[in-house]
Protein backbone atom coordinates (compact mmCIF):
# COMPACT_ATOMS: atom_id res chain seq x y z
CA MET A 1 0.00 0.00 0.00
CA LEU A 2 2.96 2.35 0.59
CA ARG A 3 4.12 2.05 -3.03
CA PRO A 4 7.81 2.69 -2.25
CA ARG A 5 9.68 4.95 -4.64
CA PRO A 6 13.23 6.35 -4.87
CA ASP A 7 14.18 8.96 -2.27
CA MET A 8 11.11 8.18 -0.14
CA HIS A 9 11.52 8.89 3.58
CA LEU A 10 9.25 6.86 5.87
CA LEU A 11 8.61 7.52 9.55
CA ASP A 12 7.66 4.26 11.25
CA MET A 13 6.20 5.38 14.57
CA ALA A 14 6.08 2.92 17.49
CA GLY A 15 8.14 0.71 15.20
CA GLY A 16 10.90 -0.29 17.61
CA THR A 17 11.03 -3.90 16.45
CA GLY A 18 11.89 -2.70 12.94
CA ASP A 19 9.52 -5.13 11.20
CA ILE A 20 7.77 -2.54 9.02
CA ALA A 21 11.04 -0.72 8.32
CA PHE A 22 12.74 -3.91 7.17
CA ARG A 23 9.90 -4.80 4.80
CA PHE A 24 9.83 -1.27 3.39
CA LEU A 25 13.58 -1.28 2.73
CA GLU A 26 13.33 -4.72 1.14
CA ALA A 27 10.68 -3.35 -1.24
CA CYS A 28 13.05 -0.49 -2.12
CA THR A 29 15.87 -2.82 -3.24
CA GLY A 30 17.22 -1.81 -6.61
CA PHE A 31 16.36 1.88 -6.49
CA THR A 32 19.18 4.04 -7.84
CA SER A 33 18.55 6.66 -5.17
CA PRO A 34 17.87 4.93 -1.89
CA SER A 35 14.82 5.38 0.26
CA CYS A 36 15.19 5.48 4.01
CA VAL A 37 13.27 4.83 7.21
CA THR A 38 13.32 6.57 10.55
CA VAL A 39 12.08 4.25 13.25
CA CYS A 40 10.71 6.19 16.20
CA ASP A 41 9.60 4.55 19.44
CA ARG A 42 9.27 5.79 23.01
CA ASN A 43 10.71 2.54 24.37
CA ASP A 44 14.52 2.33 24.34
CA LYS A 45 14.41 -1.44 24.86
CA MET A 46 12.28 -1.91 21.75
CA LEU A 47 14.68 0.27 19.74
CA TYR A 48 17.60 -1.79 21.02
CA GLU A 49 15.88 -4.99 19.88
CA GLY A 50 15.14 -3.47 16.48
CA LYS A 51 18.75 -2.38 16.02
CA ARG A 52 19.95 -5.84 17.06
CA LYS A 53 17.61 -7.48 14.52
CA ALA A 54 18.78 -5.09 11.79
CA ILE A 55 22.43 -5.96 12.43
CA ASN A 56 21.66 -9.69 12.55
CA GLN A 57 19.82 -9.41 9.21
CA GLY A 58 22.60 -7.34 7.64
CA ILE A 59 20.40 -4.25 7.25
CA LEU A 60 22.97 -1.56 7.88
CA LYS A 61 21.93 1.27 5.54
CA GLY A 62 18.83 3.40 5.19
CA LEU A 63 17.78 3.19 8.84
CA SER A 64 17.87 5.61 11.72
CA TRP A 65 16.55 4.95 15.23
CA VAL A 66 15.07 7.73 17.36
CA CYS A 67 13.50 7.64 20.81
CA GLY A 68 10.34 9.75 20.76
CA ASP A 69 6.64 9.92 21.57
CA ALA A 70 3.85 9.75 18.97
CA ALA A 71 2.08 12.65 20.68
CA ASP A 72 5.23 14.82 20.56
CA ILE A 73 7.25 13.73 17.52
CA PRO A 74 10.82 15.11 17.64
CA PHE A 75 10.97 16.25 13.99
CA GLU A 76 10.32 19.40 12.00
CA ASP A 77 7.11 20.05 10.07
CA ASN A 78 6.83 18.59 6.56
CA THR A 79 9.71 16.12 6.94
CA PHE A 80 8.40 12.71 5.81
CA ASP A 81 6.81 11.28 2.67
CA ALA A 82 4.98 8.57 4.59
CA TYR A 83 4.03 7.69 8.17
CA THR A 84 3.17 4.24 9.48
CA ILE A 85 2.06 3.11 12.91
CA SER A 86 1.35 -0.58 13.41
CA PHE A 87 -0.28 -1.85 16.58
CA GLY A 88 0.96 1.26 18.37
CA LEU A 89 -1.78 3.90 18.23
CA ARG A 90 -3.88 1.86 20.65
CA ASN A 91 -1.16 2.37 23.28
CA VAL A 92 -1.01 6.16 22.85
CA THR A 93 -2.75 8.10 25.61
CA GLU A 94 -3.55 11.11 23.42
CA ILE A 95 -4.71 9.62 20.11
CA ASP A 96 -5.97 12.94 18.71
CA LYS A 97 -2.65 14.64 19.49
CA ALA A 98 -0.73 11.74 17.91
CA LEU A 99 -2.79 12.06 14.71
CA GLN A 100 -2.18 15.83 14.63
CA GLU A 101 1.54 15.19 15.05
CA ALA A 102 1.50 12.65 12.21
CA HIS A 103 -0.14 15.27 10.00
CA ARG A 104 2.39 17.92 11.06
CA VAL A 105 5.51 15.91 10.20
CA LEU A 106 4.23 14.68 6.83
CA LYS A 107 4.99 16.64 3.68
CA PRO A 108 1.99 17.83 1.64
CA GLY A 109 0.73 14.78 -0.24
CA GLY A 110 2.31 12.51 2.38
CA GLN A 111 0.72 9.14 3.08
CA PHE A 112 -0.59 8.05 6.49
CA PHE A 113 -1.18 4.39 7.41
CA CYS A 114 -2.39 2.92 10.68
CA LEU A 115 -2.54 -0.86 11.13
CA GLU A 116 -4.42 -1.65 14.32
CA PHE A 117 -6.82 -4.04 15.99
CA SER A 118 -10.36 -2.91 15.27
CA LYS A 119 -13.99 -4.00 15.60
CA VAL A 120 -15.17 -7.30 14.17
CA THR A 121 -17.82 -6.83 11.47
CA SER A 122 -19.49 -10.26 11.75
CA LYS A 123 -21.89 -10.75 14.69
CA PRO A 124 -21.26 -14.51 15.04
CA LEU A 125 -17.48 -14.00 14.84
CA GLU A 126 -17.71 -11.05 17.27
CA LYS A 127 -19.13 -13.29 20.03
CA LEU A 128 -16.50 -15.95 19.44
CA TYR A 129 -13.73 -13.33 19.24
CA ASP A 130 -14.85 -11.66 22.49
CA PHE A 131 -14.93 -15.02 24.27
CA TYR A 132 -11.47 -15.88 22.95
CA SER A 133 -10.10 -12.43 23.81
CA PHE A 134 -11.39 -12.17 27.36
CA GLN A 135 -11.49 -15.82 28.44
CA VAL A 136 -8.63 -17.50 26.57
CA ILE A 137 -5.90 -14.93 25.84
CA PRO A 138 -5.30 -13.80 29.47
CA LYS A 139 -5.19 -17.44 30.64
CA MET A 140 -2.72 -18.30 27.88
CA GLY A 141 -0.64 -15.28 28.90
CA ALA A 142 -0.57 -16.56 32.48
CA LEU A 143 0.32 -20.06 31.39
CA VAL A 144 2.86 -19.36 28.64
CA ALA A 145 4.40 -16.02 29.65
CA ASN A 146 3.54 -16.01 33.37
CA ASP A 147 2.01 -12.56 32.82
CA LYS A 148 -1.79 -12.59 32.84
CA GLU A 149 -1.97 -8.82 33.48
CA ALA A 150 -0.11 -7.89 30.29
CA TYR A 151 -2.46 -10.03 28.20
CA GLN A 152 -5.49 -8.72 30.07
CA TYR A 153 -4.29 -5.18 29.22
CA LEU A 154 -3.93 -6.22 25.57
CA VAL A 155 -7.53 -7.35 25.20
CA GLU A 156 -8.88 -4.41 27.21
CA SER A 157 -6.92 -1.91 25.09
CA ILE A 158 -8.32 -3.52 21.93
CA ALA A 159 -11.87 -3.31 23.30
CA ARG A 160 -11.42 0.40 24.19
CA PHE A 161 -9.90 1.40 20.85
CA PRO A 162 -12.18 3.37 18.48
CA ASP A 163 -14.08 1.45 15.82
CA GLN A 164 -13.25 1.93 12.14
CA GLN A 165 -15.58 4.89 11.50
CA THR A 166 -14.68 6.68 14.74
CA LEU A 167 -10.96 6.39 13.99
CA ALA A 168 -11.56 7.59 10.43
CA ASP A 169 -13.37 10.65 11.84
CA LYS A 170 -10.46 11.36 14.18
CA ILE A 171 -8.02 11.13 11.27
CA LYS A 172 -10.15 13.62 9.29
CA ASP A 173 -10.32 15.92 12.31
CA ALA A 174 -6.50 15.91 12.42
CA GLY A 175 -6.51 17.51 8.95
CA PHE A 176 -6.14 14.51 6.65
CA GLY A 177 -8.07 13.95 3.44
CA GLN A 178 -8.99 10.85 1.42
CA VAL A 179 -9.44 8.85 4.62
CA SER A 180 -10.41 5.22 4.15
CA TRP A 181 -9.92 1.85 5.76
CA ARG A 182 -9.61 -1.76 4.75
CA ASN A 183 -10.80 -4.47 7.10
CA MET A 184 -8.73 -7.60 7.41
CA SER A 185 -9.96 -10.85 9.00
CA GLN A 186 -13.50 -9.43 9.14
CA GLY A 187 -12.42 -6.36 11.09
CA VAL A 188 -10.20 -8.02 13.68
CA VAL A 189 -7.57 -5.73 12.16
CA ALA A 190 -7.99 -2.67 9.94
CA ILE A 191 -5.62 -0.51 7.93
CA HIS A 192 -6.60 3.15 7.85
CA SER A 193 -5.02 5.29 5.16
CA ALA A 194 -5.10 9.01 4.42
CA LEU A 195 -3.24 11.81 2.68
CA LYS A 196 -1.99 15.13 3.94
CA VAL A 197 -3.75 17.58 1.63
């Protein structure tokens, strides 16, 4: 969906693991003028893990790692061609401020993408998904990771996160145009996209 092109500069917010950055750079292979990614995350430990993975995979060019908050991005206005946030917006306290910041740091015409858990669109699946989320996931977290609370937080944060239309409205309110979303797995996950106009 990003449609990488030469000289494209991507900001991957809350991207400390580097997964999106690595895939983007892989898609840019062969460009005569290289594209680059700035990975920004508020968690130093996540950034450390991302850097370690990059080194282990031999990805040594086109990446920079910055510690920063989505609601107070440490970059100038109109800096990036694209902005991604994957499974991170749900953990931001000030979602509206984070969306305004995304708009601020994008260049005019810049692309915005948010991949996040969303609201299931099928009633039968919704009941099954809710049961699985609230009854199974926390118990699995306790059993496998010895951390029921972290998995309980996960499912509660998903349940509290705005539905597809509400998030689209927030993105529009932040100043974006051409806002749309694509449901995946019947709305378990959605990708919202928009342009800075």
